């Protein structure tokens, strides 16, 4: 098992601890594609209809912040699966959150 004190990006691939991690590291790419694609229908529907009645602002605020932190973490580790997935998911989740906040504020002004 790889030691947590040393990021994968800076490790020697010949290190026996790395063999299993390099194989498992490729799981990040299909996971990234699937989780990122999961946001597309919600973002498309929200931006197209502006219907945010069933969306929790607190949930999307926490999710957007978490995705941003995962992006920073992926960048620090040189993990392209995390960078790409969260780099795409952040604006999608952010657009849903922004739409929710905008529409809620607009409804209160009426």
PDB file of N, CA and C in Angstrom:
ATOM      1  N   UNK A   1       0.841  -1.172   0.000  1.00  0.00           N
ATOM      2  CA  UNK A   1       0.000   0.000   0.000  1.00  0.00           C
ATOM      3  C   UNK A   1       0.891   1.243   0.000  1.00  0.00           C
ATOM      4  N   UNK A   2       0.476   2.257  -0.727  1.00  0.00           N
ATOM      5  CA  UNK A   2       1.254   3.503  -0.802  1.00  0.00           C
ATOM      6  C   UNK A   2       1.164   4.248   0.514  1.00  0.00           C
ATOM      7  N   UNK A   3       2.232   4.900   0.852  1.00  0.00           N
ATOM      8  CA  UNK A   3       2.261   5.705   2.070  1.00  0.00           C
ATOM      9  C   UNK A   3       1.586   7.040   1.795  1.00  0.00           C
ATOM     10  N   UNK A   4       0.739   7.519   2.725  1.00  0.00           N
ATOM     11  CA  UNK A   4       0.047   8.794   2.503  1.00  0.00           C
ATOM     12  C   UNK A   4       0.962  10.008   2.629  1.00  0.00           C
ATOM     13  N   UNK A   5       2.198   9.811   3.103  1.00  0.00           N
ATOM     14  CA  UNK A   5       3.087  10.946   3.302  1.00  0.00           C
ATOM     15  C   UNK A   5       3.745  11.419   2.017  1.00  0.00           C
ATOM     16  N   UNK A   6       3.526  10.723   0.927  1.00  0.00           N
ATOM     17  CA  UNK A   6       4.184  11.070  -0.329  1.00  0.00           C
ATOM     18  C   UNK A   6       3.160  10.996  -1.468  1.00  0.00           C
ATOM     19  N   UNK A   7       2.857  12.121  -2.157  1.00  0.00           N
ATOM     20  CA  UNK A   7       1.851  12.085  -3.218  1.00  0.00           C
ATOM     21  C   UNK A   7       2.271  11.181  -4.371  1.00  0.00           C
ATOM     22  N   UNK A   8       1.287  10.609  -5.037  1.00  0.00           N
ATOM     23  CA  UNK A   8       1.551   9.707  -6.160  1.00  0.00           C
ATOM     24  C   UNK A   8       2.316  10.391  -7.277  1.00  0.00           C
ATOM     25  N   UNK A   9       2.045  11.671  -7.507  1.00  0.00           N
ATOM     26  CA  UNK A   9       2.656  12.371  -8.635  1.00  0.00           C
ATOM     27  C   UNK A   9       4.174  12.414  -8.540  1.00  0.00           C
ATOM     28  N   UNK A  10       4.736  12.430  -7.338  1.00  0.00           N
ATOM     29  CA  UNK A  10       6.172  12.546  -7.186  1.00  0.00           C
ATOM     30  C   UNK A  10       6.873  11.233  -6.889  1.00  0.00           C
ATOM     31  N   UNK A  11       6.169  10.114  -6.960  1.00  0.00           N
ATOM     32  CA  UNK A  11       6.728   8.827  -6.579  1.00  0.00           C
ATOM     33  C   UNK A  11       7.356   8.125  -7.766  1.00  0.00           C
ATOM     34  N   UNK A  12       8.298   7.273  -7.480  1.00  0.00           N
ATOM     35  CA  UNK A  12       8.985   6.468  -8.488  1.00  0.00           C
ATOM     36  C   UNK A  12       8.094   5.302  -8.893  1.00  0.00           C
ATOM     37  N   UNK A  13       7.743   5.170 -10.192  1.00  0.00           N
ATOM     38  CA  UNK A  13       6.876   4.068 -10.633  1.00  0.00           C
ATOM     39  C   UNK A  13       7.479   2.689 -10.375  1.00  0.00           C
ATOM     40  N   UNK A  14       8.794   2.597 -10.200  1.00  0.00           N
ATOM     41  CA  UNK A  14       9.427   1.316  -9.918  1.00  0.00           C
ATOM     42  C   UNK A  14       9.245   0.900  -8.458  1.00  0.00           C
ATOM     43  N   UNK A  15       8.815   1.822  -7.616  1.00  0.00           N
ATOM     44  CA  UNK A  15       8.570   1.537  -6.206  1.00  0.00           C
ATOM     45  C   UNK A  15       7.478   0.473  -6.118  1.00  0.00           C
ATOM     46  N   UNK A  16       7.727  -0.639  -5.393  1.00  0.00           N
ATOM     47  CA  UNK A  16       6.726  -1.707  -5.306  1.00  0.00           C
ATOM     48  C   UNK A  16       5.396  -1.225  -4.740  1.00  0.00           C
ATOM     49  N   UNK A  17       5.433  -0.202  -3.899  1.00  0.00           N
ATOM     50  CA  UNK A  17       4.181   0.336  -3.358  1.00  0.00           C
ATOM     51  C   UNK A  17       3.324   0.975  -4.444  1.00  0.00           C
ATOM     52  N   UNK A  18       3.943   1.335  -5.558  1.00  0.00           N
ATOM     53  CA  UNK A  18       3.239   2.060  -6.615  1.00  0.00           C
ATOM     54  C   UNK A  18       2.501   1.147  -7.586  1.00  0.00           C
ATOM     55  N   UNK A  19       2.857  -0.101  -7.687  1.00  0.00           N
ATOM     56  CA  UNK A  19       2.288  -0.986  -8.708  1.00  0.00           C
ATOM     57  C   UNK A  19       0.771  -0.983  -8.667  1.00  0.00           C
ATOM     58  N   UNK A  20       0.187  -1.254  -7.518  1.00  0.00           N
ATOM     59  CA  UNK A  20      -1.274  -1.295  -7.403  1.00  0.00           C
ATOM     60  C   UNK A  20      -1.891   0.084  -7.559  1.00  0.00           C
ATOM     61  N   UNK A  21      -1.222   1.113  -7.061  1.00  0.00           N
ATOM     62  CA  UNK A  21      -1.773   2.462  -7.152  1.00  0.00           C
ATOM     63  C   UNK A  21      -1.825   2.969  -8.579  1.00  0.00           C
ATOM     64  N   UNK A  22      -0.828   2.636  -9.397  1.00  0.00           N
ATOM     65  CA  UNK A  22      -0.863   3.076 -10.787  1.00  0.00           C
ATOM     66  C   UNK A  22      -2.011   2.422 -11.528  1.00  0.00           C
ATOM     67  N   UNK A  23      -2.270   1.147 -11.248  1.00  0.00           N
ATOM     68  CA  UNK A  23      -3.402   0.479 -11.876  1.00  0.00           C
ATOM     69  C   UNK A  23      -4.721   1.104 -11.424  1.00  0.00           C
ATOM     70  N   UNK A  24      -4.835   1.355 -10.147  1.00  0.00           N
ATOM     71  CA  UNK A  24      -6.065   1.926  -9.610  1.00  0.00           C
ATOM     72  C   UNK A  24      -6.242   3.387  -9.984  1.00  0.00           C
ATOM     73  N   UNK A  25      -5.139   4.073 -10.244  1.00  0.00           N
ATOM     74  CA  UNK A  25      -5.221   5.487 -10.599  1.00  0.00           C
ATOM     75  C   UNK A  25      -6.049   5.676 -11.872  1.00  0.00           C
ATOM     76  N   UNK A  26      -6.048   4.707 -12.766  1.00  0.00           N
ATOM     77  CA  UNK A  26      -6.825   4.812 -14.001  1.00  0.00           C
ATOM     78  C   UNK A  26      -8.322   4.744 -13.747  1.00  0.00           C
ATOM     79  N   UNK A  27      -8.738   4.240 -12.591  1.00  0.00           N
ATOM     80  CA  UNK A  27     -10.161   4.244 -12.254  1.00  0.00           C
ATOM     81  C   UNK A  27     -10.701   5.663 -12.125  1.00  0.00           C
ATOM     82  N   UNK A  28      -9.819   6.594 -11.845  1.00  0.00           N
ATOM     83  CA  UNK A  28     -10.239   7.981 -11.684  1.00  0.00           C
ATOM     84  C   UNK A  28     -10.832   8.580 -12.945  1.00  0.00           C
ATOM     85  N   UNK A  29     -10.364   8.169 -14.110  1.00  0.00           N
ATOM     86  CA  UNK A  29     -10.859   8.770 -15.355  1.00  0.00           C
ATOM     87  C   UNK A  29     -12.306   8.378 -15.668  1.00  0.00           C
ATOM     88  N   UNK A  30     -12.659   7.083 -15.661  1.00  0.00           N
ATOM     89  CA  UNK A  30     -14.087   6.795 -15.879  1.00  0.00           C
ATOM     90  C   UNK A  30     -14.972   7.332 -14.757  1.00  0.00           C
ATOM     91  N   UNK A  31     -14.457   7.330 -13.522  1.00  0.00           N
ATOM     92  CA  UNK A  31     -15.228   7.901 -12.417  1.00  0.00           C
ATOM     93  C   UNK A  31     -15.447   9.387 -12.651  1.00  0.00           C
ATOM     94  N   UNK A  32     -14.425  10.079 -13.123  1.00  0.00           N
ATOM     95  CA  UNK A  32     -14.530  11.509 -13.407  1.00  0.00           C
ATOM     96  C   UNK A  32     -15.549  11.782 -14.500  1.00  0.00           C
ATOM     97  N   UNK A  33     -15.511  10.986 -15.556  1.00  0.00           N
ATOM     98  CA  UNK A  33     -16.451  11.172 -16.668  1.00  0.00           C
ATOM     99  C   UNK A  33     -17.884  10.954 -16.188  1.00  0.00           C
ATOM    100  N   UNK A  34     -18.113   9.880 -15.452  1.00  0.00           N
ATOM    101  CA  UNK A  34     -19.473   9.574 -14.999  1.00  0.00           C
ATOM    102  C   UNK A  34     -20.026  10.622 -14.040  1.00  0.00           C
ATOM    103  N   UNK A  35     -19.223  11.032 -13.071  1.00  0.00           N
ATOM    104  CA  UNK A  35     -19.730  12.015 -12.101  1.00  0.00           C
ATOM    105  C   UNK A  35     -19.910  13.386 -12.734  1.00  0.00           C
ATOM    106  N   UNK A  36     -19.067  13.727 -13.681  1.00  0.00           N
ATOM    107  CA  UNK A  36     -19.213  15.011 -14.366  1.00  0.00           C
ATOM    108  C   UNK A  36     -20.444  14.991 -15.269  1.00  0.00           C
ATOM    109  N   UNK A  37     -20.620  13.910 -16.010  1.00  0.00           N
ATOM    110  CA  UNK A  37     -21.791  13.798 -16.883  1.00  0.00           C
ATOM    111  C   UNK A  37     -23.099  13.825 -16.091  1.00  0.00           C
ATOM    112  N   UNK A  38     -23.046  13.394 -14.843  1.00  0.00           N
ATOM    113  CA  UNK A  38     -24.251  13.393 -14.016  1.00  0.00           C
ATOM    114  C   UNK A  38     -24.786  14.802 -13.784  1.00  0.00           C
ATOM    115  N   UNK A  39     -23.938  15.808 -13.850  1.00  0.00           N
ATOM    116  CA  UNK A  39     -24.375  17.191 -13.637  1.00  0.00           C
ATOM    117  C   UNK A  39     -24.964  17.829 -14.888  1.00  0.00           C
ATOM    118  N   UNK A  40     -24.643  17.326 -16.053  1.00  0.00           N
ATOM    119  CA  UNK A  40     -25.108  17.966 -17.290  1.00  0.00           C
ATOM    120  C   UNK A  40     -26.621  18.064 -17.390  1.00  0.00           C
ATOM    121  N   UNK A  41     -27.382  16.983 -17.156  1.00  0.00           N
ATOM    122  CA  UNK A  41     -28.848  17.121 -17.279  1.00  0.00           C
ATOM    123  C   UNK A  41     -29.433  18.145 -16.306  1.00  0.00           C
ATOM    124  N   UNK A  42     -28.949  18.150 -15.055  1.00  0.00           N
ATOM    125  CA  UNK A  42     -29.477  19.115 -14.075  1.00  0.00           C
ATOM    126  C   UNK A  42     -29.128  20.541 -14.457  1.00  0.00           C
ATOM    127  N   UNK A  43     -27.890  20.757 -14.880  1.00  0.00           N
ATOM    128  CA  UNK A  43     -27.476  22.104 -15.279  1.00  0.00           C
ATOM    129  C   UNK A  43     -28.275  22.559 -16.498  1.00  0.00           C
ATOM    130  N   UNK A  44     -28.419  21.700 -17.477  1.00  0.00           N
ATOM    131  CA  UNK A  44     -29.167  22.046 -18.692  1.00  0.00           C
ATOM    132  C   UNK A  44     -30.618  22.385 -18.352  1.00  0.00           C
ATOM    133  N   UNK A  45     -31.261  21.534 -17.557  1.00  0.00           N
ATOM    134  CA  UNK A  45     -32.664  21.758 -17.186  1.00  0.00           C
ATOM    135  C   UNK A  45     -32.816  23.049 -16.382  1.00  0.00           C
ATOM    136  N   UNK A  46     -31.929  23.268 -15.434  1.00  0.00           N
ATOM    137  CA  UNK A  46     -32.017  24.458 -14.583  1.00  0.00           C
ATOM    138  C   UNK A  46     -31.813  25.735 -15.390  1.00  0.00           C
ATOM    139  N   UNK A  47     -30.821  25.741 -16.239  1.00  0.00           N
ATOM    140  CA  UNK A  47     -30.549  26.947 -17.035  1.00  0.00           C
ATOM    141  C   UNK A  47     -31.630  27.180 -18.087  1.00  0.00           C
ATOM    142  N   UNK A  48     -32.190  26.107 -18.622  1.00  0.00           N
ATOM    143  CA  UNK A  48     -33.212  26.247 -19.664  1.00  0.00           C
ATOM    144  C   UNK A  48     -34.552  26.692 -19.083  1.00  0.00           C
ATOM    145  N   UNK A  49     -34.968  26.091 -17.965  1.00  0.00           N
ATOM    146  CA  UNK A  49     -36.304  26.373 -17.422  1.00  0.00           C
ATOM    147  C   UNK A  49     -36.301  27.425 -16.310  1.00  0.00           C
ATOM    148  N   UNK A  50     -35.142  27.631 -15.689  1.00  0.00           N
ATOM    149  CA  UNK A  50     -35.002  28.529 -14.535  1.00  0.00           C
ATOM    150  C   UNK A  50     -35.835  28.039 -13.350  1.00  0.00           C
ATOM    151  N   UNK A  51     -36.296  26.795 -13.386  1.00  0.00           N
ATOM    152  CA  UNK A  51     -37.087  26.218 -12.304  1.00  0.00           C
ATOM    153  C   UNK A  51     -36.134  25.660 -11.253  1.00  0.00           C
ATOM    154  N   UNK A  52     -36.104  26.301 -10.098  1.00  0.00           N
ATOM    155  CA  UNK A  52     -35.191  25.909  -9.029  1.00  0.00           C
ATOM    156  C   UNK A  52     -35.950  25.514  -7.761  1.00  0.00           C
ATOM    157  N   UNK A  53     -37.231  25.257  -7.909  1.00  0.00           N
ATOM    158  CA  UNK A  53     -38.074  24.982  -6.742  1.00  0.00           C
ATOM    159  C   UNK A  53     -37.586  23.770  -5.939  1.00  0.00           C
ATOM    160  N   UNK A  54     -37.095  22.753  -6.588  1.00  0.00           N
ATOM    161  CA  UNK A  54     -36.669  21.541  -5.886  1.00  0.00           C
ATOM    162  C   UNK A  54     -35.190  21.491  -5.562  1.00  0.00           C
ATOM    163  N   UNK A  55     -34.513  22.627  -5.676  1.00  0.00           N
ATOM    164  CA  UNK A  55     -33.065  22.657  -5.455  1.00  0.00           C
ATOM    165  C   UNK A  55     -32.755  23.355  -4.133  1.00  0.00           C
ATOM    166  N   UNK A  56     -31.908  22.749  -3.337  1.00  0.00           N
ATOM    167  CA  UNK A  56     -31.503  23.325  -2.061  1.00  0.00           C
ATOM    168  C   UNK A  56     -30.259  24.184  -2.258  1.00  0.00           C
ATOM    169  N   UNK A  57     -30.368  25.456  -1.894  1.00  0.00           N
ATOM    170  CA  UNK A  57     -29.224  26.368  -2.007  1.00  0.00           C
ATOM    171  C   UNK A  57     -28.088  25.928  -1.083  1.00  0.00           C
ATOM    172  N   UNK A  58     -28.420  25.472   0.113  1.00  0.00           N
ATOM    173  CA  UNK A  58     -27.390  25.040   1.065  1.00  0.00           C
ATOM    174  C   UNK A  58     -26.634  23.821   0.520  1.00  0.00           C
ATOM    175  N   UNK A  59     -27.361  22.895  -0.066  1.00  0.00           N
ATOM    176  CA  UNK A  59     -26.727  21.703  -0.622  1.00  0.00           C
ATOM    177  C   UNK A  59     -25.800  22.082  -1.765  1.00  0.00           C
ATOM    178  N   UNK A  60     -26.273  22.908  -2.672  1.00  0.00           N
ATOM    179  CA  UNK A  60     -25.437  23.283  -3.814  1.00  0.00           C
ATOM    180  C   UNK A  60     -24.285  24.199  -3.415  1.00  0.00           C
ATOM    181  N   UNK A  61     -24.461  24.994  -2.352  1.00  0.00           N
ATOM    182  CA  UNK A  61     -23.343  25.804  -1.864  1.00  0.00           C
ATOM    183  C   UNK A  61     -22.245  24.906  -1.308  1.00  0.00           C
ATOM    184  N   UNK A  62     -22.634  23.908  -0.516  1.00  0.00           N
ATOM    185  CA  UNK A  62     -21.655  22.970   0.042  1.00  0.00           C
ATOM    186  C   UNK A  62     -21.012  22.143  -1.068  1.00  0.00           C
ATOM    187  N   UNK A  63     -21.815  21.689  -2.013  1.00  0.00           N
ATOM    188  CA  UNK A  63     -21.296  20.889  -3.120  1.00  0.00           C
ATOM    189  C   UNK A  63     -20.315  21.691  -3.970  1.00  0.00           C
ATOM    190  N   UNK A  64     -20.672  22.920  -4.297  1.00  0.00           N
ATOM    191  CA  UNK A  64     -19.805  23.768  -5.119  1.00  0.00           C
ATOM    192  C   UNK A  64     -18.486  24.053  -4.401  1.00  0.00           C
ATOM    193  N   UNK A  65     -18.560  24.342  -3.101  1.00  0.00           N
ATOM    194  CA  UNK A  65     -17.338  24.566  -2.324  1.00  0.00           C
ATOM    195  C   UNK A  65     -16.486  23.297  -2.281  1.00  0.00           C
ATOM    196  N   UNK A  66     -17.126  22.158  -2.066  1.00  0.00           N
ATOM    197  CA  UNK A  66     -16.402  20.887  -2.031  1.00  0.00           C
ATOM    198  C   UNK A  66     -15.728  20.569  -3.347  1.00  0.00           C
ATOM    199  N   UNK A  67     -16.429  20.795  -4.455  1.00  0.00           N
ATOM    200  CA  UNK A  67     -15.850  20.560  -5.779  1.00  0.00           C
ATOM    201  C   UNK A  67     -14.652  21.483  -5.999  1.00  0.00           C
ATOM    202  N   UNK A  68     -14.777  22.728  -5.562  1.00  0.00           N
ATOM    203  CA  UNK A  68     -13.652  23.659  -5.673  1.00  0.00           C
ATOM    204  C   UNK A  68     -12.442  23.180  -4.880  1.00  0.00           C
ATOM    205  N   UNK A  69     -12.694  22.664  -3.683  1.00  0.00           N
ATOM    206  CA  UNK A  69     -11.598  22.138  -2.869  1.00  0.00           C
ATOM    207  C   UNK A  69     -10.975  20.894  -3.502  1.00  0.00           C
ATOM    208  N   UNK A  70     -11.803  20.020  -4.093  1.00  0.00           N
ATOM    209  CA  UNK A  70     -11.263  18.844  -4.791  1.00  0.00           C
ATOM    210  C   UNK A  70     -10.410  19.276  -5.976  1.00  0.00           C
ATOM    211  N   UNK A  71     -10.806  20.335  -6.636  1.00  0.00           N
ATOM    212  CA  UNK A  71     -10.016  20.846  -7.760  1.00  0.00           C
ATOM    213  C   UNK A  71      -8.636  21.316  -7.273  1.00  0.00           C
ATOM    214  N   UNK A  72      -8.621  22.067  -6.174  1.00  0.00           N
ATOM    215  CA  UNK A  72      -7.347  22.530  -5.609  1.00  0.00           C
ATOM    216  C   UNK A  72      -6.498  21.333  -5.175  1.00  0.00           C
ATOM    217  N   UNK A  73      -7.125  20.368  -4.534  1.00  0.00           N
ATOM    218  CA  UNK A  73      -6.408  19.170  -4.100  1.00  0.00           C
ATOM    219  C   UNK A  73      -5.841  18.410  -5.299  1.00  0.00           C
ATOM    220  N   UNK A  74      -6.651  18.200  -6.321  1.00  0.00           N
ATOM    221  CA  UNK A  74      -6.178  17.513  -7.523  1.00  0.00           C
ATOM    222  C   UNK A  74      -5.002  18.239  -8.150  1.00  0.00           C
ATOM    223  N   UNK A  75      -5.082  19.550  -8.186  1.00  0.00           N
ATOM    224  CA  UNK A  75      -3.993  20.359  -8.739  1.00  0.00           C
ATOM    225  C   UNK A  75      -2.717  20.168  -7.915  1.00  0.00           C
ATOM    226  N   UNK A  76      -2.863  20.167  -6.599  1.00  0.00           N
ATOM    227  CA  UNK A  76      -1.689  20.023  -5.724  1.00  0.00           C
ATOM    228  C   UNK A  76      -1.040  18.649  -5.864  1.00  0.00           C
ATOM    229  N   UNK A  77      -1.845  17.645  -6.213  1.00  0.00           N
ATOM    230  CA  UNK A  77      -1.338  16.286  -6.350  1.00  0.00           C
ATOM    231  C   UNK A  77      -0.932  15.949  -7.780  1.00  0.00           C
ATOM    232  N   UNK A  78      -1.242  16.837  -8.716  1.00  0.00           N
ATOM    233  CA  UNK A  78      -0.964  16.551 -10.118  1.00  0.00           C
ATOM    234  C   UNK A  78      -1.851  15.444 -10.652  1.00  0.00           C
ATOM    235  N   UNK A  79      -3.048  15.305 -10.107  1.00  0.00           N
ATOM    236  CA  UNK A  79      -3.975  14.233 -10.484  1.00  0.00           C
ATOM    237  C   UNK A  79      -4.942  14.760 -11.541  1.00  0.00           C
ATOM    238  N   UNK A  80      -4.671  14.405 -12.795  1.00  0.00           N
ATOM    239  CA  UNK A  80      -5.451  14.952 -13.903  1.00  0.00           C
ATOM    240  C   UNK A  80      -6.903  14.508 -13.896  1.00  0.00           C
ATOM    241  N   UNK A  81      -7.197  13.335 -13.376  1.00  0.00           N
ATOM    242  CA  UNK A  81      -8.600  12.911 -13.283  1.00  0.00           C
ATOM    243  C   UNK A  81      -9.374  13.861 -12.373  1.00  0.00           C
ATOM    244  N   UNK A  82      -8.798  14.198 -11.234  1.00  0.00           N
ATOM    245  CA  UNK A  82      -9.454  15.144 -10.319  1.00  0.00           C
ATOM    246  C   UNK A  82      -9.521  16.544 -10.910  1.00  0.00           C
ATOM    247  N   UNK A  83      -8.454  16.958 -11.562  1.00  0.00           N
ATOM    248  CA  UNK A  83      -8.419  18.301 -12.148  1.00  0.00           C
ATOM    249  C   UNK A  83      -9.476  18.438 -13.233  1.00  0.00           C
ATOM    250  N   UNK A  84      -9.530  17.487 -14.143  1.00  0.00           N
ATOM    251  CA  UNK A  84     -10.482  17.577 -15.255  1.00  0.00           C
ATOM    252  C   UNK A  84     -11.920  17.462 -14.779  1.00  0.00           C
ATOM    253  N   UNK A  85     -12.193  16.475 -13.932  1.00  0.00           N
ATOM    254  CA  UNK A  85     -13.569  16.279 -13.464  1.00  0.00           C
ATOM    255  C   UNK A  85     -14.074  17.486 -12.703  1.00  0.00           C
ATOM    256  N   UNK A  86     -13.289  17.957 -11.768  1.00  0.00           N
ATOM    257  CA  UNK A  86     -13.737  19.076 -10.942  1.00  0.00           C
ATOM    258  C   UNK A  86     -13.654  20.404 -11.671  1.00  0.00           C
ATOM    259  N   UNK A  87     -12.747  20.502 -12.642  1.00  0.00           N
ATOM    260  CA  UNK A  87     -12.673  21.703 -13.467  1.00  0.00           C
ATOM    261  C   UNK A  87     -13.906  21.875 -14.341  1.00  0.00           C
ATOM    262  N   UNK A  88     -14.527  20.763 -14.724  1.00  0.00           N
ATOM    263  CA  UNK A  88     -15.769  20.830 -15.505  1.00  0.00           C
ATOM    264  C   UNK A  88     -16.977  20.914 -14.574  1.00  0.00           C
ATOM    265  N   UNK A  89     -16.953  20.154 -13.488  1.00  0.00           N
ATOM    266  CA  UNK A  89     -18.095  20.117 -12.570  1.00  0.00           C
ATOM    267  C   UNK A  89     -18.278  21.438 -11.826  1.00  0.00           C
ATOM    268  N   UNK A  90     -17.190  22.126 -11.507  1.00  0.00           N
ATOM    269  CA  UNK A  90     -17.295  23.379 -10.752  1.00  0.00           C
ATOM    270  C   UNK A  90     -18.170  24.417 -11.453  1.00  0.00           C
ATOM    271  N   UNK A  91     -17.960  24.715 -12.736  1.00  0.00           N
ATOM    272  CA  UNK A  91     -18.864  25.691 -13.356  1.00  0.00           C
ATOM    273  C   UNK A  91     -20.295  25.172 -13.504  1.00  0.00           C
ATOM    274  N   UNK A  92     -20.469  23.858 -13.668  1.00  0.00           N
ATOM    275  CA  UNK A  92     -21.830  23.315 -13.759  1.00  0.00           C
ATOM    276  C   UNK A  92     -22.563  23.487 -12.427  1.00  0.00           C
ATOM    277  N   UNK A  93     -21.930  23.048 -11.344  1.00  0.00           N
ATOM    278  CA  UNK A  93     -22.550  23.187 -10.022  1.00  0.00           C
ATOM    279  C   UNK A  93     -22.699  24.663  -9.658  1.00  0.00           C
ATOM    280  N   UNK A  94     -21.693  25.465 -10.005  1.00  0.00           N
ATOM    281  CA  UNK A  94     -21.759  26.896  -9.733  1.00  0.00           C
ATOM    282  C   UNK A  94     -22.888  27.584 -10.486  1.00  0.00           C
ATOM    283  N   UNK A  95     -23.132  27.165 -11.714  1.00  0.00           N
ATOM    284  CA  UNK A  95     -24.219  27.772 -12.488  1.00  0.00           C
ATOM    285  C   UNK A  95     -25.579  27.402 -11.903  1.00  0.00           C
ATOM    286  N   UNK A  96     -25.713  26.189 -11.403  1.00  0.00           N
ATOM    287  CA  UNK A  96     -26.967  25.787 -10.754  1.00  0.00           C
ATOM    288  C   UNK A  96     -27.163  26.599  -9.478  1.00  0.00           C
ATOM    289  N   UNK A  97     -26.101  26.738  -8.685  1.00  0.00           N
ATOM    290  CA  UNK A  97     -26.183  27.522  -7.454  1.00  0.00           C
ATOM    291  C   UNK A  97     -26.504  28.980  -7.751  1.00  0.00           C
ATOM    292  N   UNK A  98     -25.826  29.565  -8.729  1.00  0.00           N
ATOM    293  CA  UNK A  98     -26.076  30.969  -9.080  1.00  0.00           C
ATOM    294  C   UNK A  98     -27.514  31.168  -9.554  1.00  0.00           C
ATOM    295  N   UNK A  99     -28.011  30.244 -10.362  1.00  0.00           N
ATOM    296  CA  UNK A  99     -29.393  30.337 -10.829  1.00  0.00           C
ATOM    297  C   UNK A  99     -30.362  30.237  -9.660  1.00  0.00           C
ATOM    298  N   UNK A 100     -30.100  29.315  -8.745  1.00  0.00           N
ATOM    299  CA  UNK A 100     -30.955  29.156  -7.562  1.00  0.00           C
ATOM    300  C   UNK A 100     -30.991  30.457  -6.758  1.00  0.00           C
ATOM    301  N   UNK A 101     -29.824  31.008  -6.474  1.00  0.00           N
ATOM    302  CA  UNK A 101     -29.767  32.247  -5.678  1.00  0.00           C
ATOM    303  C   UNK A 101     -30.432  33.410  -6.406  1.00  0.00           C
ATOM    304  N   UNK A 102     -30.210  33.521  -7.701  1.00  0.00           N
ATOM    305  CA  UNK A 102     -30.797  34.593  -8.509  1.00  0.00           C
ATOM    306  C   UNK A 102     -32.328  34.494  -8.525  1.00  0.00           C
ATOM    307  N   UNK A 103     -32.825  33.304  -8.810  1.00  0.00           N
ATOM    308  CA  UNK A 103     -34.277  33.116  -8.904  1.00  0.00           C
ATOM    309  C   UNK A 103     -34.949  33.277  -7.539  1.00  0.00           C
ATOM    310  N   UNK A 104     -34.318  32.827  -6.469  1.00  0.00           N
ATOM    311  CA  UNK A 104     -34.891  33.013  -5.132  1.00  0.00           C
ATOM    312  C   UNK A 104     -34.952  34.496  -4.763  1.00  0.00           C
ATOM    313  N   UNK A 105     -33.899  35.232  -5.097  1.00  0.00           N
ATOM    314  CA  UNK A 105     -33.882  36.667  -4.830  1.00  0.00           C
ATOM    315  C   UNK A 105     -34.937  37.383  -5.664  1.00  0.00           C
ATOM    316  N   UNK A 106     -35.090  36.970  -6.893  1.00  0.00           N
ATOM    317  CA  UNK A 106     -36.095  37.583  -7.785  1.00  0.00           C
ATOM    318  C   UNK A 106     -37.515  37.295  -7.267  1.00  0.00           C
ATOM    319  N   UNK A 107     -37.739  36.096  -6.753  1.00  0.00           N
ATOM    320  CA  UNK A 107     -39.064  35.749  -6.218  1.00  0.00           C
ATOM    321  C   UNK A 107     -39.392  36.568  -4.976  1.00  0.00           C
ATOM    322  N   UNK A 108     -38.390  36.876  -4.173  1.00  0.00           N
ATOM    323  CA  UNK A 108     -38.633  37.672  -2.953  1.00  0.00           C
ATOM    324  C   UNK A 108     -38.948  39.124  -3.275  1.00  0.00           C
ATOM    325  N   UNK A 109     -38.432  39.634  -4.400  1.00  0.00           N
ATOM    326  CA  UNK A 109     -38.681  41.020  -4.799  1.00  0.00           C
ATOM    327  C   UNK A 109     -40.097  41.222  -5.332  1.00  0.00           C
ATOM    328  N   UNK A 110     -40.757  40.153  -5.703  1.00  0.00           N
ATOM    329  CA  UNK A 110     -42.124  40.280  -6.266  1.00  0.00           C
ATOM    330  C   UNK A 110     -43.145  40.601  -5.260  1.00  0.00           C
TER     331      UNK A 110
END
